[in-house]
């Protein structure tokens, strides 16, 4: 692996951070009373992004050996990394500001929040373009990859926010059903995008076919099918779908709605679902890096 587990973790945390920021902003507008969701998203966003950047510095090894090399990340405008560095920098500043204001319980500047939302989307897209522009690896060099990473970023962002919020307020998860609906749609879209990308890329050349084969039937097939598809996607889809279906049934009666809102059974399913989604988000990025077969130029 040219890029190993550390880079997979960086890509995962960057997307998760961006998704959490967007989830918190959506919750603040759609559900003003769901304070725990807004607080959780705004708090974990800069923390996770900061951890991801530290991992990137460690992987690059230039932090201690040659720190001046990082200047090139801000000056080489022909590089996708430079563009991404600016995206992440602006996003990190906005996310940190929102977190501090949340901790101080002060009103936030809406302009800064909107800027943060724009660069959160840009950061999520960048995590896909970072490896997608590498033409020597056909598995990465596809227009579907950035879309897949954006969908996964939003999905893991919701999962991380909901998981943290449920630990703070176990009842809040029953008040944000539209977030759960969005989450379910993202998970289904992710399954579709994964297999569409495999179908398209596997027919391009021998290297791409080898990469797809490694994931579907080869060395990484067990972790792909069990870790990513079953645990990371299918299980959360089933649980989220059943929860939304049951909520719709309970919503038909006032007593049922009170049980749904006041009950505690949902906390267990939330912990399982969101943890599985987070695991699947990391596994997705790890597998795409691990199964990368470059084109051999003779």
C-alpha atoms as a PDB file:
ATOM      1  CA  UNK A   1       0.000   0.000   0.000  1.00  0.00           C
ATOM      2  CA  UNK A   2       1.436   3.350  -1.066  1.00  0.00           C
ATOM      3  CA  UNK A   3      -1.010   5.057   1.270  1.00  0.00           C
ATOM      4  CA  UNK A   4      -1.775   2.968   4.323  1.00  0.00           C
ATOM      5  CA  UNK A   5      -4.003   2.911   7.380  1.00  0.00           C
ATOM      6  CA  UNK A   6      -3.030   6.391   8.563  1.00  0.00           C
ATOM      7  CA  UNK A   7      -4.177   8.011   5.323  1.00  0.00           C
ATOM      8  CA  UNK A   8      -7.366   5.937   5.408  1.00  0.00           C
ATOM      9  CA  UNK A   9      -8.000   7.284   8.917  1.00  0.00           C
ATOM     10  CA  UNK A  10      -7.272  10.839   7.741  1.00  0.00           C
ATOM     11  CA  UNK A  11      -9.719  10.580   4.845  1.00  0.00           C
ATOM     12  CA  UNK A  12     -12.302   9.036   7.166  1.00  0.00           C
ATOM     13  CA  UNK A  13     -11.956  11.684   9.891  1.00  0.00           C
ATOM     14  CA  UNK A  14     -11.975  14.573   7.415  1.00  0.00           C
ATOM     15  CA  UNK A  15     -15.212  13.365   5.836  1.00  0.00           C
ATOM     16  CA  UNK A  16     -16.756  12.588   9.223  1.00  0.00           C
ATOM     17  CA  UNK A  17     -15.836  16.047  10.508  1.00  0.00           C
ATOM     18  CA  UNK A  18     -17.416  17.758   7.500  1.00  0.00           C
ATOM     19  CA  UNK A  19     -20.551  15.625   7.765  1.00  0.00           C
ATOM     20  CA  UNK A  20     -20.909  16.330  11.491  1.00  0.00           C
ATOM     21  CA  UNK A  21     -20.689  20.080  10.885  1.00  0.00           C
ATOM     22  CA  UNK A  22     -23.409  19.932   8.237  1.00  0.00           C
ATOM     23  CA  UNK A  23     -25.577  17.716  10.452  1.00  0.00           C
ATOM     24  CA  UNK A  24     -25.356  20.199  13.317  1.00  0.00           C
ATOM     25  CA  UNK A  25     -26.261  23.108  11.036  1.00  0.00           C
ATOM     26  CA  UNK A  26     -29.252  21.216   9.650  1.00  0.00           C
ATOM     27  CA  UNK A  27     -30.414  20.252  13.147  1.00  0.00           C
ATOM     28  CA  UNK A  28     -30.076  23.840  14.372  1.00  0.00           C
ATOM     29  CA  UNK A  29     -32.553  24.984  11.731  1.00  0.00           C
ATOM     30  CA  UNK A  30     -34.885  21.997  11.492  1.00  0.00           C
ATOM     31  CA  UNK A  31     -34.944  21.069  15.186  1.00  0.00           C
ATOM     32  CA  UNK A  32     -34.093  24.090  17.377  1.00  0.00           C
ATOM     33  CA  UNK A  33     -35.039  22.141  20.516  1.00  0.00           C
ATOM     34  CA  UNK A  34     -32.649  19.253  19.706  1.00  0.00           C
ATOM     35  CA  UNK A  35     -29.790  20.985  21.478  1.00  0.00           C
ATOM     36  CA  UNK A  36     -27.790  17.792  22.010  1.00  0.00           C
ATOM     37  CA  UNK A  37     -27.620  17.095  18.253  1.00  0.00           C
ATOM     38  CA  UNK A  38     -26.470  20.613  17.446  1.00  0.00           C
ATOM     39  CA  UNK A  39     -23.960  20.626  20.306  1.00  0.00           C
ATOM     40  CA  UNK A  40     -22.570  17.186  19.459  1.00  0.00           C
ATOM     41  CA  UNK A  41     -22.009  17.975  15.791  1.00  0.00           C
ATOM     42  CA  UNK A  42     -20.359  21.308  16.436  1.00  0.00           C
ATOM     43  CA  UNK A  43     -18.138  19.896  19.153  1.00  0.00           C
ATOM     44  CA  UNK A  44     -16.785  16.780  17.432  1.00  0.00           C
ATOM     45  CA  UNK A  45     -16.266  18.450  14.052  1.00  0.00           C
ATOM     46  CA  UNK A  46     -13.066  20.453  14.769  1.00  0.00           C
ATOM     47  CA  UNK A  47     -11.766  17.801  17.180  1.00  0.00           C
ATOM     48  CA  UNK A  48     -11.928  15.017  14.590  1.00  0.00           C
ATOM     49  CA  UNK A  49     -10.516  17.262  11.861  1.00  0.00           C
ATOM     50  CA  UNK A  50      -7.616  18.171  14.145  1.00  0.00           C
ATOM     51  CA  UNK A  51      -6.873  14.505  14.845  1.00  0.00           C
ATOM     52  CA  UNK A  52      -6.968  13.777  11.117  1.00  0.00           C
ATOM     53  CA  UNK A  53      -4.480  16.546  10.378  1.00  0.00           C
ATOM     54  CA  UNK A  54      -2.129  15.271  13.070  1.00  0.00           C
ATOM     55  CA  UNK A  55      -2.252  11.825  11.478  1.00  0.00           C
ATOM     56  CA  UNK A  56      -1.436  13.381   8.107  1.00  0.00           C
ATOM     57  CA  UNK A  57       1.582  15.164   9.561  1.00  0.00           C
ATOM     58  CA  UNK A  58       2.810  11.948  11.151  1.00  0.00           C
ATOM     59  CA  UNK A  59       2.402  10.049   7.888  1.00  0.00           C
ATOM     60  CA  UNK A  60       4.219  12.732   5.885  1.00  0.00           C
ATOM     61  CA  UNK A  61       7.136  12.629   8.385  1.00  0.00           C
ATOM     62  CA  UNK A  62       7.956  16.214   7.457  1.00  0.00           C
ATOM     63  CA  UNK A  63       6.563  17.638  10.677  1.00  0.00           C
ATOM     64  CA  UNK A  64       9.760  16.871  12.569  1.00  0.00           C
ATOM     65  CA  UNK A  65      12.332  16.250   9.848  1.00  0.00           C
ATOM     66  CA  UNK A  66      11.590  19.150   7.521  1.00  0.00           C
ATOM     67  CA  UNK A  67       8.635  21.295   8.647  1.00  0.00           C
ATOM     68  CA  UNK A  68       9.305  23.928   5.980  1.00  0.00           C
ATOM     69  CA  UNK A  69       8.082  21.432   3.372  1.00  0.00           C
ATOM     70  CA  UNK A  70       4.540  22.199   4.490  1.00  0.00           C
ATOM     71  CA  UNK A  71       4.903  25.678   2.987  1.00  0.00           C
ATOM     72  CA  UNK A  72       4.540  24.025  -0.422  1.00  0.00           C
ATOM     73  CA  UNK A  73       1.036  22.915   0.559  1.00  0.00           C
ATOM     74  CA  UNK A  74       0.004  26.578   0.395  1.00  0.00           C
ATOM     75  CA  UNK A  75       2.005  27.648  -2.650  1.00  0.00           C
ATOM     76  CA  UNK A  76       1.737  24.893  -5.267  1.00  0.00           C
ATOM     77  CA  UNK A  77      -1.592  25.819  -6.855  1.00  0.00           C
ATOM     78  CA  UNK A  78      -1.196  23.153  -9.533  1.00  0.00           C
ATOM     79  CA  UNK A  79      -1.650  20.504  -6.857  1.00  0.00           C
ATOM     80  CA  UNK A  80      -4.980  19.200  -5.603  1.00  0.00           C
ATOM     81  CA  UNK A  81      -3.394  19.020  -2.156  1.00  0.00           C
ATOM     82  CA  UNK A  82      -2.863  22.779  -2.135  1.00  0.00           C
ATOM     83  CA  UNK A  83      -6.485  23.456  -3.013  1.00  0.00           C
ATOM     84  CA  UNK A  84      -7.568  20.953  -0.387  1.00  0.00           C
ATOM     85  CA  UNK A  85      -5.311  22.565   2.196  1.00  0.00           C
ATOM     86  CA  UNK A  86      -7.141  25.868   1.746  1.00  0.00           C
ATOM     87  CA  UNK A  87     -10.513  24.113   1.921  1.00  0.00           C
ATOM     88  CA  UNK A  88      -9.572  22.390   5.170  1.00  0.00           C
ATOM     89  CA  UNK A  89      -7.993  25.526   6.651  1.00  0.00           C
ATOM     90  CA  UNK A  90     -11.102  27.667   6.144  1.00  0.00           C
ATOM     91  CA  UNK A  91     -13.352  24.842   7.281  1.00  0.00           C
ATOM     92  CA  UNK A  92     -11.254  24.187  10.394  1.00  0.00           C
ATOM     93  CA  UNK A  93     -11.372  27.848  11.425  1.00  0.00           C
ATOM     94  CA  UNK A  94     -15.143  28.022  10.972  1.00  0.00           C
ATOM     95  CA  UNK A  95     -15.698  24.723  12.797  1.00  0.00           C
ATOM     96  CA  UNK A  96     -13.470  25.784  15.692  1.00  0.00           C
ATOM     97  CA  UNK A  97     -15.330  29.091  15.976  1.00  0.00           C
ATOM     98  CA  UNK A  98     -18.713  27.336  16.057  1.00  0.00           C
ATOM     99  CA  UNK A  99     -17.498  24.905  18.709  1.00  0.00           C
ATOM    100  CA  UNK A 100     -16.152  27.671  20.944  1.00  0.00           C
ATOM    101  CA  UNK A 101     -19.379  29.670  20.644  1.00  0.00           C
ATOM    102  CA  UNK A 102     -21.358  26.543  21.481  1.00  0.00           C
ATOM    103  CA  UNK A 103     -19.258  25.866  24.576  1.00  0.00           C
ATOM    104  CA  UNK A 104     -19.607  29.504  25.661  1.00  0.00           C
ATOM    105  CA  UNK A 105     -23.359  29.340  24.930  1.00  0.00           C
ATOM    106  CA  UNK A 106     -23.176  32.440  22.778  1.00  0.00           C
ATOM    107  CA  UNK A 107     -24.933  33.265  19.512  1.00  0.00           C
ATOM    108  CA  UNK A 108     -22.967  32.421  16.411  1.00  0.00           C
ATOM    109  CA  UNK A 109     -22.239  34.564  13.396  1.00  0.00           C
ATOM    110  CA  UNK A 110     -24.438  33.193  10.599  1.00  0.00           C
ATOM    111  CA  UNK A 111     -22.015  34.287   7.885  1.00  0.00           C
ATOM    112  CA  UNK A 112     -19.228  32.246   9.458  1.00  0.00           C
ATOM    113  CA  UNK A 113     -21.573  29.277   9.758  1.00  0.00           C
ATOM    114  CA  UNK A 114     -22.490  29.520   6.065  1.00  0.00           C
ATOM    115  CA  UNK A 115     -18.816  29.748   5.154  1.00  0.00           C
ATOM    116  CA  UNK A 116     -18.216  26.663   7.271  1.00  0.00           C
ATOM    117  CA  UNK A 117     -21.006  24.805   5.483  1.00  0.00           C
ATOM    118  CA  UNK A 118     -19.557  25.662   2.069  1.00  0.00           C
ATOM    119  CA  UNK A 119     -16.063  24.526   3.012  1.00  0.00           C
ATOM    120  CA  UNK A 120     -17.438  21.458   4.787  1.00  0.00           C
ATOM    121  CA  UNK A 121     -18.899  20.317   1.466  1.00  0.00           C
ATOM    122  CA  UNK A 122     -15.636  21.262  -0.268  1.00  0.00           C
ATOM    123  CA  UNK A 123     -13.647  19.239   2.280  1.00  0.00           C
ATOM    124  CA  UNK A 124     -15.853  16.187   1.785  1.00  0.00           C
ATOM    125  CA  UNK A 125     -15.417  16.440  -1.990  1.00  0.00           C
ATOM    126  CA  UNK A 126     -11.671  16.976  -1.635  1.00  0.00           C
ATOM    127  CA  UNK A 127     -11.202  13.684   0.213  1.00  0.00           C
ATOM    128  CA  UNK A 128     -12.385  11.938  -2.944  1.00  0.00           C
ATOM    129  CA  UNK A 129     -10.456  14.098  -5.390  1.00  0.00           C
ATOM    130  CA  UNK A 130      -7.243  13.673  -3.383  1.00  0.00           C
ATOM    131  CA  UNK A 131      -6.877  10.109  -4.637  1.00  0.00           C
ATOM    132  CA  UNK A 132      -9.254  10.390  -7.595  1.00  0.00           C
ATOM    133  CA  UNK A 133      -6.846  12.503  -9.647  1.00  0.00           C
ATOM    134  CA  UNK A 134      -4.194   9.784  -9.596  1.00  0.00           C
ATOM    135  CA  UNK A 135      -4.536   8.378 -13.095  1.00  0.00           C
ATOM    136  CA  UNK A 136      -2.106   5.533 -12.481  1.00  0.00           C
ATOM    137  CA  UNK A 137      -4.682   3.809 -10.245  1.00  0.00           C
ATOM    138  CA  UNK A 138      -7.847   3.099 -12.261  1.00  0.00           C
ATOM    139  CA  UNK A 139      -9.847   2.141  -9.154  1.00  0.00           C
ATOM    140  CA  UNK A 140      -9.417   5.703  -7.882  1.00  0.00           C
ATOM    141  CA  UNK A 141      -9.492   7.552 -11.178  1.00  0.00           C
ATOM    142  CA  UNK A 142     -13.247   7.671 -11.647  1.00  0.00           C
ATOM    143  CA  UNK A 143     -15.808  10.451 -11.350  1.00  0.00           C
ATOM    144  CA  UNK A 144     -17.908   8.295  -9.034  1.00  0.00           C
ATOM    145  CA  UNK A 145     -15.286   8.203  -6.268  1.00  0.00           C
ATOM    146  CA  UNK A 146     -15.701  11.844  -5.108  1.00  0.00           C
ATOM    147  CA  UNK A 147     -19.484  11.366  -5.093  1.00  0.00           C
ATOM    148  CA  UNK A 148     -19.116   8.177  -3.068  1.00  0.00           C
ATOM    149  CA  UNK A 149     -16.839   9.904  -0.563  1.00  0.00           C
ATOM    150  CA  UNK A 150     -19.255  12.822  -0.193  1.00  0.00           C
ATOM    151  CA  UNK A 151     -22.190  10.490   0.443  1.00  0.00           C
ATOM    152  CA  UNK A 152     -20.106   8.490   2.916  1.00  0.00           C
ATOM    153  CA  UNK A 153     -18.912  11.679   4.629  1.00  0.00           C
ATOM    154  CA  UNK A 154     -22.468  12.901   5.166  1.00  0.00           C
ATOM    155  CA  UNK A 155     -23.524   9.440   6.351  1.00  0.00           C
ATOM    156  CA  UNK A 156     -20.679   9.040   8.849  1.00  0.00           C
ATOM    157  CA  UNK A 157     -21.166  12.656   9.942  1.00  0.00           C
ATOM    158  CA  UNK A 158     -24.777  11.916  10.840  1.00  0.00           C
ATOM    159  CA  UNK A 159     -23.712   8.692  12.552  1.00  0.00           C
ATOM    160  CA  UNK A 160     -21.015  10.378  14.639  1.00  0.00           C
ATOM    161  CA  UNK A 161     -23.317  13.230  15.612  1.00  0.00           C
ATOM    162  CA  UNK A 162     -26.257  10.995  16.499  1.00  0.00           C
ATOM    163  CA  UNK A 163     -24.039   8.604  18.449  1.00  0.00           C
ATOM    164  CA  UNK A 164     -22.552  11.429  20.522  1.00  0.00           C
ATOM    165  CA  UNK A 165     -25.918  13.137  20.973  1.00  0.00           C
ATOM    166  CA  UNK A 166     -27.597   9.932  22.151  1.00  0.00           C
ATOM    167  CA  UNK A 167     -25.006   9.599  24.894  1.00  0.00           C
ATOM    168  CA  UNK A 168     -25.856  13.120  26.027  1.00  0.00           C
ATOM    169  CA  UNK A 169     -29.649  12.883  25.686  1.00  0.00           C
ATOM    170  CA  UNK A 170     -31.204   9.497  24.965  1.00  0.00           C
ATOM    171  CA  UNK A 171     -34.568  11.022  24.071  1.00  0.00           C
ATOM    172  CA  UNK A 172     -33.325  13.424  21.417  1.00  0.00           C
ATOM    173  CA  UNK A 173     -32.901  10.690  18.814  1.00  0.00           C
ATOM    174  CA  UNK A 174     -36.695  10.294  18.692  1.00  0.00           C
ATOM    175  CA  UNK A 175     -37.207  13.940  17.725  1.00  0.00           C
ATOM    176  CA  UNK A 176     -35.069  14.123  14.589  1.00  0.00           C
ATOM    177  CA  UNK A 177     -36.757  11.668  12.251  1.00  0.00           C
ATOM    178  CA  UNK A 178     -35.973  13.629   9.095  1.00  0.00           C
ATOM    179  CA  UNK A 179     -32.251  13.202   9.863  1.00  0.00           C
ATOM    180  CA  UNK A 180     -32.821   9.466  10.105  1.00  0.00           C
ATOM    181  CA  UNK A 181     -34.664   9.516   6.768  1.00  0.00           C
ATOM    182  CA  UNK A 182     -31.749  11.353   5.156  1.00  0.00           C
ATOM    183  CA  UNK A 183     -29.347   8.883   6.726  1.00  0.00           C
ATOM    184  CA  UNK A 184     -31.245   5.901   5.353  1.00  0.00           C
ATOM    185  CA  UNK A 185     -31.244   7.437   1.873  1.00  0.00           C
ATOM    186  CA  UNK A 186     -27.494   8.041   2.055  1.00  0.00           C
ATOM    187  CA  UNK A 187     -26.790   4.448   3.087  1.00  0.00           C
ATOM    188  CA  UNK A 188     -28.837   3.076   0.201  1.00  0.00           C
ATOM    189  CA  UNK A 189     -27.135   5.476  -2.205  1.00  0.00           C
ATOM    190  CA  UNK A 190     -23.741   4.346  -0.931  1.00  0.00           C
ATOM    191  CA  UNK A 191     -24.478   0.709  -1.773  1.00  0.00           C
ATOM    192  CA  UNK A 192     -25.575   1.732  -5.272  1.00  0.00           C
ATOM    193  CA  UNK A 193     -22.492   3.905  -5.838  1.00  0.00           C
ATOM    194  CA  UNK A 194     -20.043   1.237  -4.678  1.00  0.00           C
ATOM    195  CA  UNK A 195     -21.255  -1.424  -7.082  1.00  0.00           C
ATOM    196  CA  UNK A 196     -21.762   1.063  -9.911  1.00  0.00           C
ATOM    197  CA  UNK A 197     -18.158   2.205  -9.506  1.00  0.00           C
ATOM    198  CA  UNK A 198     -16.950  -1.401  -9.507  1.00  0.00           C
ATOM    199  CA  UNK A 199     -18.981  -2.218 -12.608  1.00  0.00           C
ATOM    200  CA  UNK A 200     -17.628   0.752 -14.557  1.00  0.00           C
ATOM    201  CA  UNK A 201     -13.998   0.627 -13.448  1.00  0.00           C
ATOM    202  CA  UNK A 202     -13.578  -3.143 -13.769  1.00  0.00           C
ATOM    203  CA  UNK A 203     -14.136  -2.892 -17.508  1.00  0.00           C
ATOM    204  CA  UNK A 204     -11.538  -0.192 -18.143  1.00  0.00           C
ATOM    205  CA  UNK A 205      -8.306  -2.201 -17.974  1.00  0.00           C
ATOM    206  CA  UNK A 206      -6.519  -5.133 -16.337  1.00  0.00           C
ATOM    207  CA  UNK A 207      -5.377  -3.193 -13.272  1.00  0.00           C
ATOM    208  CA  UNK A 208      -8.904  -2.019 -12.492  1.00  0.00           C
ATOM    209  CA  UNK A 209     -10.253  -5.544 -12.913  1.00  0.00           C
ATOM    210  CA  UNK A 210      -7.609  -6.843 -10.489  1.00  0.00           C
ATOM    211  CA  UNK A 211      -8.563  -4.246  -7.883  1.00  0.00           C
ATOM    212  CA  UNK A 212     -12.259  -5.084  -8.086  1.00  0.00           C
ATOM    213  CA  UNK A 213     -11.485  -8.804  -7.993  1.00  0.00           C
ATOM    214  CA  UNK A 214      -9.401  -8.354  -4.836  1.00  0.00           C
ATOM    215  CA  UNK A 215     -12.396  -6.756  -3.147  1.00  0.00           C
ATOM    216  CA  UNK A 216     -15.175  -9.027  -4.384  1.00  0.00           C
ATOM    217  CA  UNK A 217     -13.521 -12.446  -4.394  1.00  0.00           C
ATOM    218  CA  UNK A 218      -9.874 -12.014  -3.477  1.00  0.00           C
ATOM    219  CA  UNK A 219      -7.710 -11.101  -0.502  1.00  0.00           C
ATOM    220  CA  UNK A 220     -10.030  -8.412   0.841  1.00  0.00           C
ATOM    221  CA  UNK A 221     -13.354 -10.082   0.045  1.00  0.00           C
ATOM    222  CA  UNK A 222     -14.102 -11.113   3.654  1.00  0.00           C
ATOM    223  CA  UNK A 223     -13.686  -7.630   5.090  1.00  0.00           C
ATOM    224  CA  UNK A 224     -15.498  -6.142   2.082  1.00  0.00           C
ATOM    225  CA  UNK A 225     -18.604  -8.329   2.294  1.00  0.00           C
ATOM    226  CA  UNK A 226     -18.788  -8.768   6.065  1.00  0.00           C
ATOM    227  CA  UNK A 227     -17.227  -5.552   7.344  1.00  0.00           C
ATOM    228  CA  UNK A 228     -18.406  -3.031   4.767  1.00  0.00           C
ATOM    229  CA  UNK A 229     -21.482  -4.393   3.034  1.00  0.00           C
ATOM    230  CA  UNK A 230     -23.153  -6.391   5.832  1.00  0.00           C
ATOM    231  CA  UNK A 231     -22.087  -4.623   9.028  1.00  0.00           C
ATOM    232  CA  UNK A 232     -21.409  -1.153   7.665  1.00  0.00           C
ATOM    233  CA  UNK A 233     -24.371  -0.833   5.289  1.00  0.00           C
ATOM    234  CA  UNK A 234     -26.987  -3.604   5.255  1.00  0.00           C
ATOM    235  CA  UNK A 235     -27.433  -3.860   9.034  1.00  0.00           C
ATOM    236  CA  UNK A 236     -27.822  -0.070   9.491  1.00  0.00           C
ATOM    237  CA  UNK A 237     -30.226   0.076   6.524  1.00  0.00           C
ATOM    238  CA  UNK A 238     -32.421  -2.625   8.048  1.00  0.00           C
ATOM    239  CA  UNK A 239     -32.381  -1.101  11.538  1.00  0.00           C
ATOM    240  CA  UNK A 240     -33.002   2.447  10.299  1.00  0.00           C
ATOM    241  CA  UNK A 241     -35.756   1.245   7.991  1.00  0.00           C
ATOM    242  CA  UNK A 242     -37.523  -0.700  10.738  1.00  0.00           C
ATOM    243  CA  UNK A 243     -37.205   2.200  13.162  1.00  0.00           C
ATOM    244  CA  UNK A 244     -38.750   4.644  10.699  1.00  0.00           C
ATOM    245  CA  UNK A 245     -41.507   2.154   9.855  1.00  0.00           C
ATOM    246  CA  UNK A 246     -42.329   1.574  13.529  1.00  0.00           C
ATOM    247  CA  UNK A 247     -42.247   5.302  14.248  1.00  0.00           C
ATOM    248  CA  UNK A 248     -44.742   5.894  11.462  1.00  0.00           C
ATOM    249  CA  UNK A 249     -47.053   3.281  12.967  1.00  0.00           C
ATOM    250  CA  UNK A 250     -46.687   4.691  16.474  1.00  0.00           C
ATOM    251  CA  UNK A 251     -47.208   8.183  15.167  1.00  0.00           C
ATOM    252  CA  UNK A 252     -50.765   7.218  14.210  1.00  0.00           C
ATOM    253  CA  UNK A 253     -51.786   7.231  17.882  1.00  0.00           C
ATOM    254  CA  UNK A 254     -51.021   9.804  20.545  1.00  0.00           C
ATOM    255  CA  UNK A 255     -50.211   7.143  23.140  1.00  0.00           C
ATOM    256  CA  UNK A 256     -47.887   5.385  20.751  1.00  0.00           C
ATOM    257  CA  UNK A 257     -46.082   8.614  19.978  1.00  0.00           C
ATOM    258  CA  UNK A 258     -45.556   9.268  23.674  1.00  0.00           C
ATOM    259  CA  UNK A 259     -44.043   5.808  24.051  1.00  0.00           C
ATOM    260  CA  UNK A 260     -41.752   6.417  21.064  1.00  0.00           C
ATOM    261  CA  UNK A 261     -40.594   9.769  22.363  1.00  0.00           C
ATOM    262  CA  UNK A 262     -40.246   8.786  25.990  1.00  0.00           C
ATOM    263  CA  UNK A 263     -38.951   5.243  25.619  1.00  0.00           C
ATOM    264  CA  UNK A 264     -35.380   4.078  26.052  1.00  0.00           C
ATOM    265  CA  UNK A 265     -35.310   1.077  23.714  1.00  0.00           C
ATOM    266  CA  UNK A 266     -34.138   3.210  20.818  1.00  0.00           C
ATOM    267  CA  UNK A 267     -30.808   4.040  22.442  1.00  0.00           C
ATOM    268  CA  UNK A 268     -29.484   0.490  21.970  1.00  0.00           C
ATOM    269  CA  UNK A 269     -30.372   0.380  18.279  1.00  0.00           C
ATOM    270  CA  UNK A 270     -28.890   3.830  17.791  1.00  0.00           C
ATOM    271  CA  UNK A 271     -25.584   2.799  19.353  1.00  0.00           C
ATOM    272  CA  UNK A 272     -25.437  -0.316  17.185  1.00  0.00           C
ATOM    273  CA  UNK A 273     -26.488   1.430  13.985  1.00  0.00           C
ATOM    274  CA  UNK A 274     -24.246   4.469  14.220  1.00  0.00           C
ATOM    275  CA  UNK A 275     -21.225   2.466  15.383  1.00  0.00           C
ATOM    276  CA  UNK A 276     -21.671   0.103  12.440  1.00  0.00           C
ATOM    277  CA  UNK A 277     -21.883   3.027  10.008  1.00  0.00           C
ATOM    278  CA  UNK A 278     -18.692   4.547  11.405  1.00  0.00           C
ATOM    279  CA  UNK A 279     -16.889   1.224  11.114  1.00  0.00           C
ATOM    280  CA  UNK A 280     -18.106   0.854   7.542  1.00  0.00           C
ATOM    281  CA  UNK A 281     -16.943   4.370   6.656  1.00  0.00           C
ATOM    282  CA  UNK A 282     -13.403   3.617   7.741  1.00  0.00           C
ATOM    283  CA  UNK A 283     -13.382   0.177   6.111  1.00  0.00           C
ATOM    284  CA  UNK A 284     -14.506   1.705   2.797  1.00  0.00           C
ATOM    285  CA  UNK A 285     -11.528   4.045   2.667  1.00  0.00           C
ATOM    286  CA  UNK A 286      -9.088   1.423   3.876  1.00  0.00           C
ATOM    287  CA  UNK A 287     -10.201  -1.076   1.229  1.00  0.00           C
ATOM    288  CA  UNK A 288     -10.007   1.436  -1.611  1.00  0.00           C
ATOM    289  CA  UNK A 289      -6.418   2.202  -0.642  1.00  0.00           C
ATOM    290  CA  UNK A 290      -5.464  -1.419   0.034  1.00  0.00           C
ATOM    291  CA  UNK A 291      -6.873  -2.798  -3.230  1.00  0.00           C
ATOM    292  CA  UNK A 292      -5.292  -0.146  -5.445  1.00  0.00           C
ATOM    293  CA  UNK A 293      -3.476  -1.802  -8.359  1.00  0.00           C
ATOM    294  CA  UNK A 294      -1.501   0.705 -10.467  1.00  0.00           C
ATOM    295  CA  UNK A 295      -1.193   0.600 -14.224  1.00  0.00           C
ATOM    296  CA  UNK A 296       2.157  -0.866 -15.256  1.00  0.00           C
ATOM    297  CA  UNK A 297       3.890   1.179 -17.939  1.00  0.00           C
ATOM    298  CA  UNK A 298       6.339  -0.848 -20.036  1.00  0.00           C
END
